């Protein structure tokens, strides 16, 4: 490898490291679930190995947002298959849905939100 190639490789690796450092990986939410960005909102996902899925909504400062006027869907990969089901506002900042099968912690997928103003965003887990 030439000196120029080594410099280019080092530069590319530093960009990769920087983008990972500033990425939005799931964080621990206030309710004990995983929290990710969904546009200008945060979605916190709580699953416990049952079909019940709970999502809490908050703003970027982690202040709860009333869920009553939001529409939402969960789209998860469960047992190798894509499963889509609705989430309904229950009380406060909480949305709840029942998956067709048990949802284990660490599930991959997304929460799709439609805000009261019609904006649609996703929180990816």
PDB file of N, CA and C in Angstrom:
ATOM      1  N   UNK A   1       0.858  -1.170   0.000  1.00  0.00           N
ATOM      2  CA  UNK A   1       0.000   0.000   0.000  1.00  0.00           C
ATOM      3  C   UNK A   1       0.905   1.234   0.000  1.00  0.00           C
ATOM      4  N   UNK A   2       0.599   2.156  -0.887  1.00  0.00           N
ATOM      5  CA  UNK A   2       1.398   3.375  -0.987  1.00  0.00           C
ATOM      6  C   UNK A   2       1.042   4.318   0.151  1.00  0.00           C
ATOM      7  N   UNK A   3       1.907   5.286   0.344  1.00  0.00           N
ATOM      8  CA  UNK A   3       1.676   6.287   1.391  1.00  0.00           C
ATOM      9  C   UNK A   3       0.355   7.024   1.156  1.00  0.00           C
ATOM     10  N   UNK A   4       0.066   7.381  -0.081  1.00  0.00           N
ATOM     11  CA  UNK A   4      -1.176   8.081  -0.414  1.00  0.00           C
ATOM     12  C   UNK A   4      -2.410   7.225  -0.116  1.00  0.00           C
ATOM     13  N   UNK A   5      -2.309   5.936  -0.409  1.00  0.00           N
ATOM     14  CA  UNK A   5      -3.432   5.032  -0.120  1.00  0.00           C
ATOM     15  C   UNK A   5      -3.656   4.901   1.380  1.00  0.00           C
ATOM     16  N   UNK A   6      -2.556   4.869   2.144  1.00  0.00           N
ATOM     17  CA  UNK A   6      -2.685   4.771   3.605  1.00  0.00           C
ATOM     18  C   UNK A   6      -3.365   6.020   4.168  1.00  0.00           C
ATOM     19  N   UNK A   7      -3.033   7.181   3.640  1.00  0.00           N
ATOM     20  CA  UNK A   7      -3.658   8.427   4.094  1.00  0.00           C
ATOM     21  C   UNK A   7      -5.147   8.419   3.746  1.00  0.00           C
ATOM     22  N   UNK A   8      -5.483   8.001   2.529  1.00  0.00           N
ATOM     23  CA  UNK A   8      -6.888   7.945   2.111  1.00  0.00           C
ATOM     24  C   UNK A   8      -7.670   6.965   2.988  1.00  0.00           C
ATOM     25  N   UNK A   9      -7.063   5.815   3.289  1.00  0.00           N
ATOM     26  CA  UNK A   9      -7.722   4.820   4.136  1.00  0.00           C
ATOM     27  C   UNK A   9      -7.923   5.368   5.552  1.00  0.00           C
ATOM     28  N   UNK A  10      -6.922   6.025   6.090  1.00  0.00           N
ATOM     29  CA  UNK A  10      -7.033   6.605   7.435  1.00  0.00           C
ATOM     30  C   UNK A  10      -8.119   7.675   7.461  1.00  0.00           C
ATOM     31  N   UNK A  11      -8.196   8.501   6.425  1.00  0.00           N
ATOM     32  CA  UNK A  11      -9.216   9.537   6.357  1.00  0.00           C
ATOM     33  C   UNK A  11     -10.614   8.907   6.298  1.00  0.00           C
ATOM     34  N   UNK A  12     -10.791   7.890   5.472  1.00  0.00           N
ATOM     35  CA  UNK A  12     -12.090   7.220   5.355  1.00  0.00           C
ATOM     36  C   UNK A  12     -12.487   6.591   6.685  1.00  0.00           C
ATOM     37  N   UNK A  13     -11.541   5.983   7.382  1.00  0.00           N
ATOM     38  CA  UNK A  13     -11.842   5.354   8.674  1.00  0.00           C
ATOM     39  C   UNK A  13     -12.212   6.409   9.711  1.00  0.00           C
ATOM     40  N   UNK A  14     -11.568   7.581   9.659  1.00  0.00           N
ATOM     41  CA  UNK A  14     -11.903   8.633  10.619  1.00  0.00           C
ATOM     42  C   UNK A  14     -13.308   9.167  10.360  1.00  0.00           C
ATOM     43  N   UNK A  15     -13.711   9.263   9.099  1.00  0.00           N
ATOM     44  CA  UNK A  15     -15.079   9.689   8.776  1.00  0.00           C
ATOM     45  C   UNK A  15     -16.090   8.672   9.300  1.00  0.00           C
ATOM     46  N   UNK A  16     -15.800   7.404   9.119  1.00  0.00           N
ATOM     47  CA  UNK A  16     -16.683   6.353   9.621  1.00  0.00           C
ATOM     48  C   UNK A  16     -16.815   6.442  11.128  1.00  0.00           C
ATOM     49  N   UNK A  17     -15.707   6.612  11.815  1.00  0.00           N
ATOM     50  CA  UNK A  17     -15.737   6.705  13.280  1.00  0.00           C
ATOM     51  C   UNK A  17     -16.527   7.928  13.720  1.00  0.00           C
ATOM     52  N   UNK A  18     -16.360   9.030  13.011  1.00  0.00           N
ATOM     53  CA  UNK A  18     -17.084  10.248  13.352  1.00  0.00           C
ATOM     54  C   UNK A  18     -18.575  10.068  13.141  1.00  0.00           C
ATOM     55  N   UNK A  19     -18.985   9.453  12.028  1.00  0.00           N
ATOM     56  CA  UNK A  19     -20.414   9.291  11.768  1.00  0.00           C
ATOM     57  C   UNK A  19     -21.038   8.350  12.788  1.00  0.00           C
ATOM     58  N   UNK A  20     -20.325   7.341  13.238  1.00  0.00           N
ATOM     59  CA  UNK A  20     -20.852   6.454  14.269  1.00  0.00           C
ATOM     60  C   UNK A  20     -20.970   7.170  15.603  1.00  0.00           C
ATOM     61  N   UNK A  21     -20.032   8.045  15.897  1.00  0.00           N
ATOM     62  CA  UNK A  21     -20.059   8.755  17.177  1.00  0.00           C
ATOM     63  C   UNK A  21     -21.246   9.696  17.256  1.00  0.00           C
ATOM     64  N   UNK A  22     -21.647  10.263  16.110  1.00  0.00           N
ATOM     65  CA  UNK A  22     -22.753  11.212  16.108  1.00  0.00           C
ATOM     66  C   UNK A  22     -24.064  10.580  15.683  1.00  0.00           C
ATOM     67  N   UNK A  23     -24.113   9.259  15.468  1.00  0.00           N
ATOM     68  CA  UNK A  23     -25.339   8.571  15.090  1.00  0.00           C
ATOM     69  C   UNK A  23     -26.317   8.546  16.245  1.00  0.00           C
ATOM     70  N   UNK A  24     -27.550   8.244  15.947  1.00  0.00           N
ATOM     71  CA  UNK A  24     -28.585   8.226  16.968  1.00  0.00           C
ATOM     72  C   UNK A  24     -28.943   6.785  17.289  1.00  0.00           C
ATOM     73  N   UNK A  25     -28.105   6.149  18.029  1.00  0.00           N
ATOM     74  CA  UNK A  25     -28.362   4.794  18.486  1.00  0.00           C
ATOM     75  C   UNK A  25     -29.432   4.834  19.567  1.00  0.00           C
ATOM     76  N   UNK A  26     -30.183   3.741  19.726  1.00  0.00           N
ATOM     77  CA  UNK A  26     -31.176   3.722  20.810  1.00  0.00           C
ATOM     78  C   UNK A  26     -30.525   4.030  22.162  1.00  0.00           C
ATOM     79  N   UNK A  27     -31.218   4.824  22.950  1.00  0.00           N
ATOM     80  CA  UNK A  27     -30.768   5.165  24.291  1.00  0.00           C
ATOM     81  C   UNK A  27     -31.809   4.670  25.279  1.00  0.00           C
ATOM     82  N   UNK A  28     -31.453   4.603  26.545  1.00  0.00           N
ATOM     83  CA  UNK A  28     -32.412   4.206  27.578  1.00  0.00           C
ATOM     84  C   UNK A  28     -33.390   5.353  27.813  1.00  0.00           C
ATOM     85  N   UNK A  29     -34.682   5.042  27.743  1.00  0.00           N
ATOM     86  CA  UNK A  29     -35.711   6.043  27.948  1.00  0.00           C
ATOM     87  C   UNK A  29     -36.110   6.177  29.403  1.00  0.00           C
ATOM     88  N   UNK A  30     -36.920   7.163  29.696  1.00  0.00           N
ATOM     89  CA  UNK A  30     -37.361   7.436  31.063  1.00  0.00           C
ATOM     90  C   UNK A  30     -38.232   6.334  31.648  1.00  0.00           C
ATOM     91  N   UNK A  31     -38.850   5.526  30.778  1.00  0.00           N
ATOM     92  CA  UNK A  31     -39.731   4.442  31.236  1.00  0.00           C
ATOM     93  C   UNK A  31     -39.052   3.079  31.196  1.00  0.00           C
ATOM     94  N   UNK A  32     -37.751   3.070  30.910  1.00  0.00           N
ATOM     95  CA  UNK A  32     -36.988   1.825  30.911  1.00  0.00           C
ATOM     96  C   UNK A  32     -36.870   1.148  29.562  1.00  0.00           C
ATOM     97  N   UNK A  33     -37.481   1.734  28.516  1.00  0.00           N
ATOM     98  CA  UNK A  33     -37.397   1.151  27.178  1.00  0.00           C
ATOM     99  C   UNK A  33     -36.278   1.773  26.367  1.00  0.00           C
ATOM    100  N   UNK A  34     -36.241   1.423  25.080  1.00  0.00           N
ATOM    101  CA  UNK A  34     -35.271   2.011  24.172  1.00  0.00           C
ATOM    102  C   UNK A  34     -35.893   3.229  23.508  1.00  0.00           C
ATOM    103  N   UNK A  35     -35.143   4.343  23.479  1.00  0.00           N
ATOM    104  CA  UNK A  35     -35.624   5.599  22.929  1.00  0.00           C
ATOM    105  C   UNK A  35     -34.822   5.961  21.694  1.00  0.00           C
ATOM    106  N   UNK A  36     -35.539   6.305  20.613  1.00  0.00           N
ATOM    107  CA  UNK A  36     -34.891   6.760  19.385  1.00  0.00           C
ATOM    108  C   UNK A  36     -35.590   8.015  18.879  1.00  0.00           C
ATOM    109  N   UNK A  37     -34.902   8.738  18.008  1.00  0.00           N
ATOM    110  CA  UNK A  37     -35.473   9.918  17.369  1.00  0.00           C
ATOM    111  C   UNK A  37     -36.488   9.486  16.316  1.00  0.00           C
ATOM    112  N   UNK A  38     -37.544  10.265  16.196  1.00  0.00           N
ATOM    113  CA  UNK A  38     -38.536  10.112  15.133  1.00  0.00           C
ATOM    114  C   UNK A  38     -38.896  11.532  14.696  1.00  0.00           C
ATOM    115  N   UNK A  39     -38.132  12.071  13.777  1.00  0.00           N
ATOM    116  CA  UNK A  39     -38.321  13.466  13.393  1.00  0.00           C
ATOM    117  C   UNK A  39     -38.063  14.357  14.587  1.00  0.00           C
ATOM    118  N   UNK A  40     -39.009  15.238  14.911  1.00  0.00           N
ATOM    119  CA  UNK A  40     -38.836  16.146  16.046  1.00  0.00           C
ATOM    120  C   UNK A  40     -39.337  15.539  17.348  1.00  0.00           C
ATOM    121  N   UNK A  41     -39.622  14.244  17.334  1.00  0.00           N
ATOM    122  CA  UNK A  41     -40.118  13.539  18.517  1.00  0.00           C
ATOM    123  C   UNK A  41     -39.138  12.447  18.937  1.00  0.00           C
ATOM    124  N   UNK A  42     -39.360  11.925  20.124  1.00  0.00           N
ATOM    125  CA  UNK A  42     -38.688  10.712  20.588  1.00  0.00           C
ATOM    126  C   UNK A  42     -39.758   9.640  20.750  1.00  0.00           C
ATOM    127  N   UNK A  43     -39.415   8.421  20.369  1.00  0.00           N
ATOM    128  CA  UNK A  43     -40.288   7.280  20.626  1.00  0.00           C
ATOM    129  C   UNK A  43     -39.528   6.332  21.541  1.00  0.00           C
ATOM    130  N   UNK A  44     -40.184   5.889  22.587  1.00  0.00           N
ATOM    131  CA  UNK A  44     -39.586   4.940  23.525  1.00  0.00           C
ATOM    132  C   UNK A  44     -40.383   3.648  23.454  1.00  0.00           C
ATOM    133  N   UNK A  45     -39.717   2.572  23.098  1.00  0.00           N
ATOM    134  CA  UNK A  45     -40.347   1.270  22.882  1.00  0.00           C
ATOM    135  C   UNK A  45     -40.146   0.362  24.081  1.00  0.00           C
ATOM    136  N   UNK A  46     -41.257  -0.181  24.593  1.00  0.00           N
ATOM    137  CA  UNK A  46     -41.205  -1.170  25.667  1.00  0.00           C
ATOM    138  C   UNK A  46     -41.871  -2.454  25.185  1.00  0.00           C
ATOM    139  N   UNK A  47     -41.101  -3.532  25.148  1.00  0.00           N
ATOM    140  CA  UNK A  47     -41.613  -4.866  24.831  1.00  0.00           C
ATOM    141  C   UNK A  47     -41.057  -5.828  25.869  1.00  0.00           C
ATOM    142  N   UNK A  48     -41.833  -6.878  26.166  1.00  0.00           N
ATOM    143  CA  UNK A  48     -41.404  -7.793  27.229  1.00  0.00           C
ATOM    144  C   UNK A  48     -41.569  -9.273  26.881  1.00  0.00           C
ATOM    145  N   UNK A  49     -41.634  -9.603  25.590  1.00  0.00           N
ATOM    146  CA  UNK A  49     -41.783 -10.999  25.197  1.00  0.00           C
ATOM    147  C   UNK A  49     -43.238 -11.424  25.064  1.00  0.00           C
ATOM    148  N   UNK A  50     -44.172 -10.507  25.270  1.00  0.00           N
ATOM    149  CA  UNK A  50     -45.590 -10.778  25.060  1.00  0.00           C
ATOM    150  C   UNK A  50     -46.009 -10.039  23.780  1.00  0.00           C
ATOM    151  N   UNK A  51     -47.230 -10.222  23.306  1.00  0.00           N
ATOM    152  CA  UNK A  51     -47.677  -9.466  22.122  1.00  0.00           C
ATOM    153  C   UNK A  51     -47.941  -7.983  22.385  1.00  0.00           C
ATOM    154  N   UNK A  52     -47.993  -7.559  23.634  1.00  0.00           N
ATOM    155  CA  UNK A  52     -48.283  -6.160  23.950  1.00  0.00           C
ATOM    156  C   UNK A  52     -47.055  -5.282  23.696  1.00  0.00           C
ATOM    157  N   UNK A  53     -47.277  -4.204  22.944  1.00  0.00           N
ATOM    158  CA  UNK A  53     -46.225  -3.252  22.615  1.00  0.00           C
ATOM    159  C   UNK A  53     -46.657  -1.883  23.142  1.00  0.00           C
ATOM    160  N   UNK A  54     -45.770  -1.232  23.886  1.00  0.00           N
ATOM    161  CA  UNK A  54     -46.045   0.082  24.442  1.00  0.00           C
ATOM    162  C   UNK A  54     -45.008   1.061  23.896  1.00  0.00           C
ATOM    163  N   UNK A  55     -45.486   2.227  23.470  1.00  0.00           N
ATOM    164  CA  UNK A  55     -44.610   3.287  22.972  1.00  0.00           C
ATOM    165  C   UNK A  55     -44.981   4.578  23.691  1.00  0.00           C
ATOM    166  N   UNK A  56     -43.973   5.262  24.209  1.00  0.00           N
ATOM    167  CA  UNK A  56     -44.165   6.570  24.834  1.00  0.00           C
ATOM    168  C   UNK A  56     -43.622   7.644  23.898  1.00  0.00           C
ATOM    169  N   UNK A  57     -44.335   8.748  23.811  1.00  0.00           N
ATOM    170  CA  UNK A  57     -43.913   9.876  22.989  1.00  0.00           C
ATOM    171  C   UNK A  57     -43.377  10.999  23.860  1.00  0.00           C
ATOM    172  N   UNK A  58     -42.313  11.638  23.383  1.00  0.00           N
ATOM    173  CA  UNK A  58     -41.780  12.809  24.076  1.00  0.00           C
ATOM    174  C   UNK A  58     -41.170  13.749  23.055  1.00  0.00           C
ATOM    175  N   UNK A  59     -40.888  14.968  23.494  1.00  0.00           N
ATOM    176  CA  UNK A  59     -40.219  15.916  22.610  1.00  0.00           C
ATOM    177  C   UNK A  59     -38.708  15.702  22.717  1.00  0.00           C
ATOM    178  N   UNK A  60     -37.940  16.521  22.026  1.00  0.00           N
ATOM    179  CA  UNK A  60     -36.483  16.346  22.015  1.00  0.00           C
ATOM    180  C   UNK A  60     -35.845  16.596  23.370  1.00  0.00           C
ATOM    181  N   UNK A  61     -36.581  17.217  24.294  1.00  0.00           N
ATOM    182  CA  UNK A  61     -36.078  17.425  25.654  1.00  0.00           C
ATOM    183  C   UNK A  61     -36.605  16.381  26.625  1.00  0.00           C
ATOM    184  N   UNK A  62     -37.195  15.316  26.087  1.00  0.00           N
ATOM    185  CA  UNK A  62     -37.764  14.205  26.858  1.00  0.00           C
ATOM    186  C   UNK A  62     -38.974  14.596  27.708  1.00  0.00           C
ATOM    187  N   UNK A  63     -39.665  15.689  27.327  1.00  0.00           N
ATOM    188  CA  UNK A  63     -40.925  16.043  27.987  1.00  0.00           C
ATOM    189  C   UNK A  63     -42.041  15.251  27.316  1.00  0.00           C
ATOM    190  N   UNK A  64     -42.919  14.594  28.082  1.00  0.00           N
ATOM    191  CA  UNK A  64     -44.004  13.804  27.488  1.00  0.00           C
ATOM    192  C   UNK A  64     -44.891  14.648  26.573  1.00  0.00           C
ATOM    193  N   UNK A  65     -45.356  14.012  25.497  1.00  0.00           N
ATOM    194  CA  UNK A  65     -46.275  14.634  24.550  1.00  0.00           C
ATOM    195  C   UNK A  65     -47.567  13.826  24.583  1.00  0.00           C
ATOM    196  N   UNK A  66     -48.704  14.493  24.658  1.00  0.00           N
ATOM    197  CA  UNK A  66     -49.992  13.802  24.645  1.00  0.00           C
ATOM    198  C   UNK A  66     -50.144  13.011  23.349  1.00  0.00           C
ATOM    199  N   UNK A  67     -50.451  11.728  23.470  1.00  0.00           N
ATOM    200  CA  UNK A  67     -50.554  10.838  22.313  1.00  0.00           C
ATOM    201  C   UNK A  67     -51.940  10.843  21.677  1.00  0.00           C
ATOM    202  N   UNK A  68     -52.911  11.486  22.309  1.00  0.00           N
ATOM    203  CA  UNK A  68     -54.322  11.351  21.913  1.00  0.00           C
ATOM    204  C   UNK A  68     -54.612  11.694  20.461  1.00  0.00           C
ATOM    205  N   UNK A  69     -53.897  12.591  19.831  1.00  0.00           N
ATOM    206  CA  UNK A  69     -54.182  12.978  18.454  1.00  0.00           C
ATOM    207  C   UNK A  69     -53.201  12.390  17.440  1.00  0.00           C
ATOM    208  N   UNK A  70     -52.350  11.452  17.889  1.00  0.00           N
ATOM    209  CA  UNK A  70     -51.405  10.796  16.994  1.00  0.00           C
ATOM    210  C   UNK A  70     -52.002   9.498  16.457  1.00  0.00           C
ATOM    211  N   UNK A  71     -51.590   9.144  15.247  1.00  0.00           N
ATOM    212  CA  UNK A  71     -51.874   7.825  14.681  1.00  0.00           C
ATOM    213  C   UNK A  71     -50.527   7.138  14.579  1.00  0.00           C
ATOM    214  N   UNK A  72     -50.500   5.822  14.816  1.00  0.00           N
ATOM    215  CA  UNK A  72     -49.211   5.130  14.800  1.00  0.00           C
ATOM    216  C   UNK A  72     -49.353   3.681  14.376  1.00  0.00           C
ATOM    217  N   UNK A  73     -48.270   3.171  13.801  1.00  0.00           N
ATOM    218  CA  UNK A  73     -48.150   1.762  13.438  1.00  0.00           C
ATOM    219  C   UNK A  73     -46.785   1.273  13.852  1.00  0.00           C
ATOM    220  N   UNK A  74     -46.734   0.015  14.240  1.00  0.00           N
ATOM    221  CA  UNK A  74     -45.452  -0.658  14.485  1.00  0.00           C
ATOM    222  C   UNK A  74     -45.199  -1.561  13.291  1.00  0.00           C
ATOM    223  N   UNK A  75     -43.965  -1.581  12.826  1.00  0.00           N
ATOM    224  CA  UNK A  75     -43.556  -2.450  11.736  1.00  0.00           C
ATOM    225  C   UNK A  75     -42.297  -3.157  12.218  1.00  0.00           C
ATOM    226  N   UNK A  76     -42.439  -4.425  12.601  1.00  0.00           N
ATOM    227  CA  UNK A  76     -41.326  -5.180  13.185  1.00  0.00           C
ATOM    228  C   UNK A  76     -41.039  -6.429  12.371  1.00  0.00           C
ATOM    229  N   UNK A  77     -39.799  -6.878  12.439  1.00  0.00           N
ATOM    230  CA  UNK A  77     -39.435  -8.171  11.879  1.00  0.00           C
ATOM    231  C   UNK A  77     -39.457  -9.157  13.043  1.00  0.00           C
ATOM    232  N   UNK A  78     -40.433 -10.078  12.998  1.00  0.00           N
ATOM    233  CA  UNK A  78     -40.609 -11.059  14.060  1.00  0.00           C
ATOM    234  C   UNK A  78     -40.541 -12.443  13.433  1.00  0.00           C
ATOM    235  N   UNK A  79     -39.627 -13.272  13.924  1.00  0.00           N
ATOM    236  CA  UNK A  79     -39.426 -14.612  13.378  1.00  0.00           C
ATOM    237  C   UNK A  79     -39.194 -14.577  11.865  1.00  0.00           C
ATOM    238  N   UNK A  80     -38.436 -13.567  11.408  1.00  0.00           N
ATOM    239  CA  UNK A  80     -38.076 -13.470  10.004  1.00  0.00           C
ATOM    240  C   UNK A  80     -39.162 -12.910   9.101  1.00  0.00           C
ATOM    241  N   UNK A  81     -40.304 -12.513   9.664  1.00  0.00           N
ATOM    242  CA  UNK A  81     -41.406 -11.984   8.860  1.00  0.00           C
ATOM    243  C   UNK A  81     -41.740 -10.566   9.298  1.00  0.00           C
ATOM    244  N   UNK A  82     -42.088  -9.720   8.326  1.00  0.00           N
ATOM    245  CA  UNK A  82     -42.501  -8.365   8.638  1.00  0.00           C
ATOM    246  C   UNK A  82     -43.920  -8.391   9.193  1.00  0.00           C
ATOM    247  N   UNK A  83     -44.104  -7.776  10.341  1.00  0.00           N
ATOM    248  CA  UNK A  83     -45.418  -7.702  10.998  1.00  0.00           C
ATOM    249  C   UNK A  83     -45.766  -6.231  11.179  1.00  0.00           C
ATOM    250  N   UNK A  84     -46.955  -5.855  10.730  1.00  0.00           N
ATOM    251  CA  UNK A  84     -47.413  -4.471  10.859  1.00  0.00           C
ATOM    252  C   UNK A  84     -48.728  -4.480  11.633  1.00  0.00           C
ATOM    253  N   UNK A  85     -48.828  -3.585  12.633  1.00  0.00           N
ATOM    254  CA  UNK A  85     -50.057  -3.501  13.416  1.00  0.00           C
ATOM    255  C   UNK A  85     -50.183  -2.103  13.996  1.00  0.00           C
ATOM    256  N   UNK A  86     -51.430  -1.682  14.270  1.00  0.00           N
ATOM    257  CA  UNK A  86     -51.662  -0.325  14.766  1.00  0.00           C
ATOM    258  C   UNK A  86     -51.338  -0.173  16.244  1.00  0.00           C
ATOM    259  N   UNK A  87     -51.004   1.058  16.610  1.00  0.00           N
ATOM    260  CA  UNK A  87     -50.836   1.456  18.005  1.00  0.00           C
ATOM    261  C   UNK A  87     -51.873   2.532  18.273  1.00  0.00           C
ATOM    262  N   UNK A  88     -52.554   2.436  19.391  1.00  0.00           N
ATOM    263  CA  UNK A  88     -53.613   3.392  19.721  1.00  0.00           C
ATOM    264  C   UNK A  88     -53.260   4.177  20.975  1.00  0.00           C
ATOM    265  N   UNK A  89     -53.632   5.462  21.004  1.00  0.00           N
ATOM    266  CA  UNK A  89     -53.419   6.258  22.214  1.00  0.00           C
ATOM    267  C   UNK A  89     -54.224   5.668  23.373  1.00  0.00           C
ATOM    268  N   UNK A  90     -53.601   5.569  24.544  1.00  0.00           N
ATOM    269  CA  UNK A  90     -54.282   5.027  25.715  1.00  0.00           C
ATOM    270  C   UNK A  90     -54.495   6.138  26.733  1.00  0.00           C
ATOM    271  N   UNK A  91     -53.422   6.663  27.274  1.00  0.00           N
ATOM    272  CA  UNK A  91     -53.514   7.809  28.180  1.00  0.00           C
ATOM    273  C   UNK A  91     -52.170   8.510  28.213  1.00  0.00           C
ATOM    274  N   UNK A  92     -52.198   9.771  28.512  1.00  0.00           N
ATOM    275  CA  UNK A  92     -50.952  10.533  28.573  1.00  0.00           C
ATOM    276  C   UNK A  92     -50.184  10.446  27.273  1.00  0.00           C
ATOM    277  N   UNK A  93     -48.932  10.079  27.373  1.00  0.00           N
ATOM    278  CA  UNK A  93     -48.055  10.003  26.208  1.00  0.00           C
ATOM    279  C   UNK A  93     -47.922   8.579  25.669  1.00  0.00           C
ATOM    280  N   UNK A  94     -48.823   7.692  26.072  1.00  0.00           N
ATOM    281  CA  UNK A  94     -48.682   6.265  25.779  1.00  0.00           C
ATOM    282  C   UNK A  94     -49.549   5.804  24.615  1.00  0.00           C
ATOM    283  N   UNK A  95     -48.917   5.022  23.728  1.00  0.00           N
ATOM    284  CA  UNK A  95     -49.584   4.316  22.636  1.00  0.00           C
ATOM    285  C   UNK A  95     -49.411   2.827  22.899  1.00  0.00           C
ATOM    286  N   UNK A  96     -50.448   2.030  22.642  1.00  0.00           N
ATOM    287  CA  UNK A  96     -50.367   0.591  22.888  1.00  0.00           C
ATOM    288  C   UNK A  96     -50.923  -0.166  21.685  1.00  0.00           C
ATOM    289  N   UNK A  97     -50.291  -1.288  21.374  1.00  0.00           N
ATOM    290  CA  UNK A  97     -50.762  -2.161  20.306  1.00  0.00           C
ATOM    291  C   UNK A  97     -50.532  -3.609  20.669  1.00  0.00           C
ATOM    292  N   UNK A  98     -51.243  -4.484  19.971  1.00  0.00           N
ATOM    293  CA  UNK A  98     -51.088  -5.929  20.182  1.00  0.00           C
ATOM    294  C   UNK A  98     -50.567  -6.532  18.882  1.00  0.00           C
ATOM    295  N   UNK A  99     -49.375  -7.106  18.951  1.00  0.00           N
ATOM    296  CA  UNK A  99     -48.757  -7.746  17.794  1.00  0.00           C
ATOM    297  C   UNK A  99     -49.410  -9.106  17.550  1.00  0.00           C
ATOM    298  N   UNK A 100     -49.289  -9.636  16.331  1.00  0.00           N
ATOM    299  CA  UNK A 100     -49.860 -10.940  16.036  1.00  0.00           C
ATOM    300  C   UNK A 100     -49.157 -12.086  16.774  1.00  0.00           C
ATOM    301  N   UNK A 101     -47.984 -11.807  17.316  1.00  0.00           N
ATOM    302  CA  UNK A 101     -47.205 -12.801  18.049  1.00  0.00           C
ATOM    303  C   UNK A 101     -46.337 -12.082  19.076  1.00  0.00           C
ATOM    304  N   UNK A 102     -45.683 -12.818  19.939  1.00  0.00           N
ATOM    305  CA  UNK A 102     -44.834 -12.223  20.982  1.00  0.00           C
ATOM    306  C   UNK A 102     -43.712 -11.375  20.367  1.00  0.00           C
ATOM    307  N   UNK A 103     -43.413 -10.262  21.027  1.00  0.00           N
ATOM    308  CA  UNK A 103     -42.351  -9.354  20.587  1.00  0.00           C
ATOM    309  C   UNK A 103     -41.285  -9.334  21.675  1.00  0.00           C
ATOM    310  N   UNK A 104     -40.102  -9.785  21.300  1.00  0.00           N
ATOM    311  CA  UNK A 104     -39.003  -9.878  22.261  1.00  0.00           C
ATOM    312  C   UNK A 104     -38.182  -8.590  22.291  1.00  0.00           C
ATOM    313  N   UNK A 105     -37.580  -8.283  23.436  1.00  0.00           N
ATOM    314  CA  UNK A 105     -36.661  -7.142  23.493  1.00  0.00           C
ATOM    315  C   UNK A 105     -35.582  -7.291  22.424  1.00  0.00           C
ATOM    316  N   UNK A 106     -35.188  -6.177  21.837  1.00  0.00           N
ATOM    317  CA  UNK A 106     -34.182  -6.195  20.782  1.00  0.00           C
ATOM    318  C   UNK A 106     -34.775  -6.337  19.389  1.00  0.00           C
ATOM    319  N   UNK A 107     -36.100  -6.350  19.292  1.00  0.00           N
ATOM    320  CA  UNK A 107     -36.759  -6.478  17.992  1.00  0.00           C
ATOM    321  C   UNK A 107     -36.294  -5.357  17.062  1.00  0.00           C
ATOM    322  N   UNK A 108     -36.186  -5.663  15.776  1.00  0.00           N
ATOM    323  CA  UNK A 108     -35.807  -4.672  14.770  1.00  0.00           C
ATOM    324  C   UNK A 108     -37.054  -4.214  14.037  1.00  0.00           C
ATOM    325  N   UNK A 109     -37.087  -2.937  13.716  1.00  0.00           N
ATOM    326  CA  UNK A 109     -38.223  -2.403  12.989  1.00  0.00           C
ATOM    327  C   UNK A 109     -38.362  -0.922  13.195  1.00  0.00           C
ATOM    328  N   UNK A 110     -39.613  -0.444  13.075  1.00  0.00           N
ATOM    329  CA  UNK A 110     -39.858   0.988  13.171  1.00  0.00           C
ATOM    330  C   UNK A 110     -41.231   1.271  13.764  1.00  0.00           C
ATOM    331  N   UNK A 111     -41.335   2.453  14.345  1.00  0.00           N
ATOM    332  CA  UNK A 111     -42.612   3.003  14.777  1.00  0.00           C
ATOM    333  C   UNK A 111     -42.895   4.164  13.832  1.00  0.00           C
ATOM    334  N   UNK A 112     -44.013   4.080  13.116  1.00  0.00           N
ATOM    335  CA  UNK A 112     -44.402   5.137  12.188  1.00  0.00           C
ATOM    336  C   UNK A 112     -45.466   5.989  12.859  1.00  0.00           C
ATOM    337  N   UNK A 113     -45.205   7.278  12.961  1.00  0.00           N
ATOM    338  CA  UNK A 113     -46.124   8.212  13.603  1.00  0.00           C
ATOM    339  C   UNK A 113     -46.691   9.193  12.587  1.00  0.00           C
ATOM    340  N   UNK A 114     -47.970   9.486  12.738  1.00  0.00           N
ATOM    341  CA  UNK A 114     -48.575  10.593  12.019  1.00  0.00           C
ATOM    342  C   UNK A 114     -49.037  11.575  13.085  1.00  0.00           C
ATOM    343  N   UNK A 115     -48.409  12.741  13.094  1.00  0.00           N
ATOM    344  CA  UNK A 115     -48.688  13.773  14.099  1.00  0.00           C
ATOM    345  C   UNK A 115     -50.026  14.445  13.805  1.00  0.00           C
ATOM    346  N   UNK A 116     -50.576  15.163  14.775  1.00  0.00           N
ATOM    347  CA  UNK A 116     -51.839  15.873  14.572  1.00  0.00           C
ATOM    348  C   UNK A 116     -51.816  16.826  13.372  1.00  0.00           C
ATOM    349  N   UNK A 117     -50.630  17.370  13.026  1.00  0.00           N
ATOM    350  CA  UNK A 117     -50.527  18.283  11.886  1.00  0.00           C
ATOM    351  C   UNK A 117     -50.370  17.556  10.552  1.00  0.00           C
ATOM    352  N   UNK A 118     -50.392  16.202  10.567  1.00  0.00           N
ATOM    353  CA  UNK A 118     -50.290  15.406   9.345  1.00  0.00           C
ATOM    354  C   UNK A 118     -48.889  14.960   8.995  1.00  0.00           C
ATOM    355  N   UNK A 119     -47.872  15.473   9.708  1.00  0.00           N
ATOM    356  CA  UNK A 119     -46.491  15.073   9.439  1.00  0.00           C
ATOM    357  C   UNK A 119     -46.304  13.606   9.817  1.00  0.00           C
ATOM    358  N   UNK A 120     -45.631  12.853   8.933  1.00  0.00           N
ATOM    359  CA  UNK A 120     -45.345  11.444   9.203  1.00  0.00           C
ATOM    360  C   UNK A 120     -43.845  11.273   9.410  1.00  0.00           C
ATOM    361  N   UNK A 121     -43.484  10.598  10.498  1.00  0.00           N
ATOM    362  CA  UNK A 121     -42.070  10.356  10.837  1.00  0.00           C
ATOM    363  C   UNK A 121     -41.930   8.915  11.306  1.00  0.00           C
ATOM    364  N   UNK A 122     -40.674   8.442  11.359  1.00  0.00           N
ATOM    365  CA  UNK A 122     -40.391   7.091  11.842  1.00  0.00           C
ATOM    366  C   UNK A 122     -39.277   7.098  12.862  1.00  0.00           C
ATOM    367  N   UNK A 123     -39.450   6.236  13.871  1.00  0.00           N
ATOM    368  CA  UNK A 123     -38.392   5.941  14.815  1.00  0.00           C
ATOM    369  C   UNK A 123     -37.923   4.527  14.525  1.00  0.00           C
ATOM    370  N   UNK A 124     -36.663   4.342  14.168  1.00  0.00           N
ATOM    371  CA  UNK A 124     -36.147   3.021  13.767  1.00  0.00           C
ATOM    372  C   UNK A 124     -35.373   2.370  14.890  1.00  0.00           C
ATOM    373  N   UNK A 125     -35.740   1.143  15.178  1.00  0.00           N
ATOM    374  CA  UNK A 125     -35.101   0.363  16.242  1.00  0.00           C
ATOM    375  C   UNK A 125     -34.315  -0.770  15.652  1.00  0.00           C
TER     376      UNK A 125
END
